[in-house]
Amino acid sequence: MLLTTSLLLTLTAATSGQIGLEIADEPSGVVVTAVDPGGPTAAFANVGDVVVSVDRIPVANAEVLQAVLGRLEVGDAVILVLENARGRLGHRIAIAAPRVL
């Protein structure tokens, strides 16, 4: 069963920002299913990338990712590590304010 979670808008009441990705829990991990072209990950994230960690915390599933993002504030700088066929690469991003789509 696939669980798709949108991270384009506020995840929970405690979450004050976004990283501009839509994701799905899959056997291979937390997979990017869409990238917000105006979000902080637009320059490097691609559909099919796997989210490995955020703020040095391993991301095993969407629930963990939501918990990590829930403690961050707009403007916080974090390292987002993504993995794809070319390997793993960390990107420094600033948590963005939620956008109304």
Protein backbone atom coordinates (compact mmCIF):
# COMPACT_ATOMS: atom_id res chain seq x y z
CA MET A 1 0.00 0.00 0.00
CA LEU A 2 1.40 3.38 -0.99
CA LEU A 3 0.87 6.37 1.25
CA THR A 4 1.22 9.68 -0.54
CA THR A 5 1.88 12.71 1.61
CA SER A 6 1.95 16.30 0.42
CA LEU A 7 4.69 18.44 1.87
CA LEU A 8 3.86 21.41 -0.30
CA LEU A 9 1.68 22.98 2.37
CA THR A 10 1.66 22.87 6.16
CA LEU A 11 1.92 19.28 7.35
CA THR A 12 0.43 19.77 10.80
CA ALA A 13 -0.51 22.67 13.02
CA ALA A 14 3.00 22.52 14.48
CA THR A 15 4.69 22.75 11.09
CA SER A 16 5.42 26.29 10.07
CA GLY A 17 7.13 25.71 6.76
CA GLN A 18 7.69 23.45 3.80
CA ILE A 19 10.40 21.89 1.65
CA GLY A 20 8.46 21.80 -1.61
CA LEU A 21 8.14 18.05 -2.14
CA GLU A 22 5.34 15.55 -2.46
CA ILE A 23 6.38 12.12 -1.28
CA ALA A 24 5.20 8.52 -1.04
CA ASP A 25 6.19 5.78 1.40
CA GLU A 26 7.51 2.95 -0.73
CA PRO A 27 9.56 -0.17 0.06
CA SER A 28 12.68 1.67 -1.13
CA GLY A 29 12.01 4.54 1.30
CA VAL A 30 10.45 7.99 1.15
CA VAL A 31 10.28 8.70 -2.58
CA VAL A 32 9.75 12.11 -4.18
CA THR A 33 6.62 12.05 -6.38
CA ALA A 34 6.49 15.78 -7.26
CA VAL A 35 8.62 18.89 -6.80
CA ASP A 36 7.16 22.37 -6.25
CA PRO A 37 8.84 24.55 -8.93
CA GLY A 38 8.79 27.51 -6.50
CA GLY A 39 10.02 25.58 -3.46
CA PRO A 40 13.45 25.40 -1.84
CA THR A 41 14.26 22.03 -3.46
CA ALA A 42 13.28 22.98 -7.04
CA ALA A 43 16.87 23.40 -8.23
CA PHE A 44 18.01 19.87 -7.37
CA ALA A 45 15.20 17.46 -6.40
CA ASN A 46 13.72 15.12 -8.99
CA VAL A 47 10.80 12.72 -9.07
CA GLY A 48 12.11 9.33 -8.00
CA ASP A 49 14.73 10.66 -5.57
CA VAL A 50 14.70 9.03 -2.12
CA VAL A 51 14.80 11.27 0.97
CA VAL A 52 17.64 9.88 3.11
CA SER A 53 17.84 12.43 5.92
CA VAL A 54 16.84 15.92 7.03
CA ASP A 55 18.85 17.90 9.54
CA ARG A 56 21.11 14.81 9.96
CA ILE A 57 18.15 12.68 11.09
CA PRO A 58 17.57 9.52 9.01
CA VAL A 59 14.17 9.44 7.32
CA ALA A 60 12.73 5.92 7.31
CA ASN A 61 9.17 6.92 6.39
CA ALA A 62 6.83 9.88 5.87
CA GLU A 63 5.91 9.93 9.56
CA VAL A 64 9.55 10.51 10.57
CA LEU A 65 9.92 13.22 7.92
CA GLN A 66 6.79 14.94 9.19
CA ALA A 67 8.08 14.82 12.78
CA VAL A 68 11.43 16.33 11.79
CA LEU A 69 9.83 19.09 9.74
CA GLY A 70 7.32 19.74 12.50
CA ARG A 71 10.05 21.04 14.80
CA LEU A 72 11.53 23.43 12.25
CA GLU A 73 10.67 27.09 11.74
CA VAL A 74 10.47 29.12 8.54
CA GLY A 75 14.01 30.21 7.66
CA ASP A 76 15.75 27.38 9.51
CA ALA A 77 18.66 26.05 7.46
CA VAL A 78 18.94 22.26 7.21
CA ILE A 79 20.80 19.71 5.14
CA LEU A 80 18.48 17.58 3.01
CA VAL A 81 20.12 14.40 1.69
CA LEU A 82 18.60 12.80 -1.38
CA GLU A 83 19.63 9.60 -3.15
CA ASN A 84 19.16 8.62 -6.76
CA ALA A 85 20.92 6.45 -9.35
CA ARG A 86 23.96 8.77 -9.26
CA GLY A 87 24.39 8.43 -5.48
CA ARG A 88 23.70 10.53 -2.37
CA LEU A 89 24.03 14.26 -2.22
CA GLY A 90 23.30 16.73 0.56
CA HIS A 91 21.77 20.13 -0.14
CA ARG A 92 21.53 23.06 2.25
CA ILE A 93 18.03 24.56 2.16
CA ALA A 94 16.05 27.05 4.16
CA ILE A 95 12.60 26.01 5.27
CA ALA A 96 10.11 28.09 3.27
CA ALA A 97 6.80 29.59 4.29
CA PRO A 98 3.79 27.54 3.18
CA ARG A 99 2.34 28.65 -0.13
CA VAL A 100 -1.30 28.70 -1.12
CA LEU A 101 -1.59 26.71 -4.33
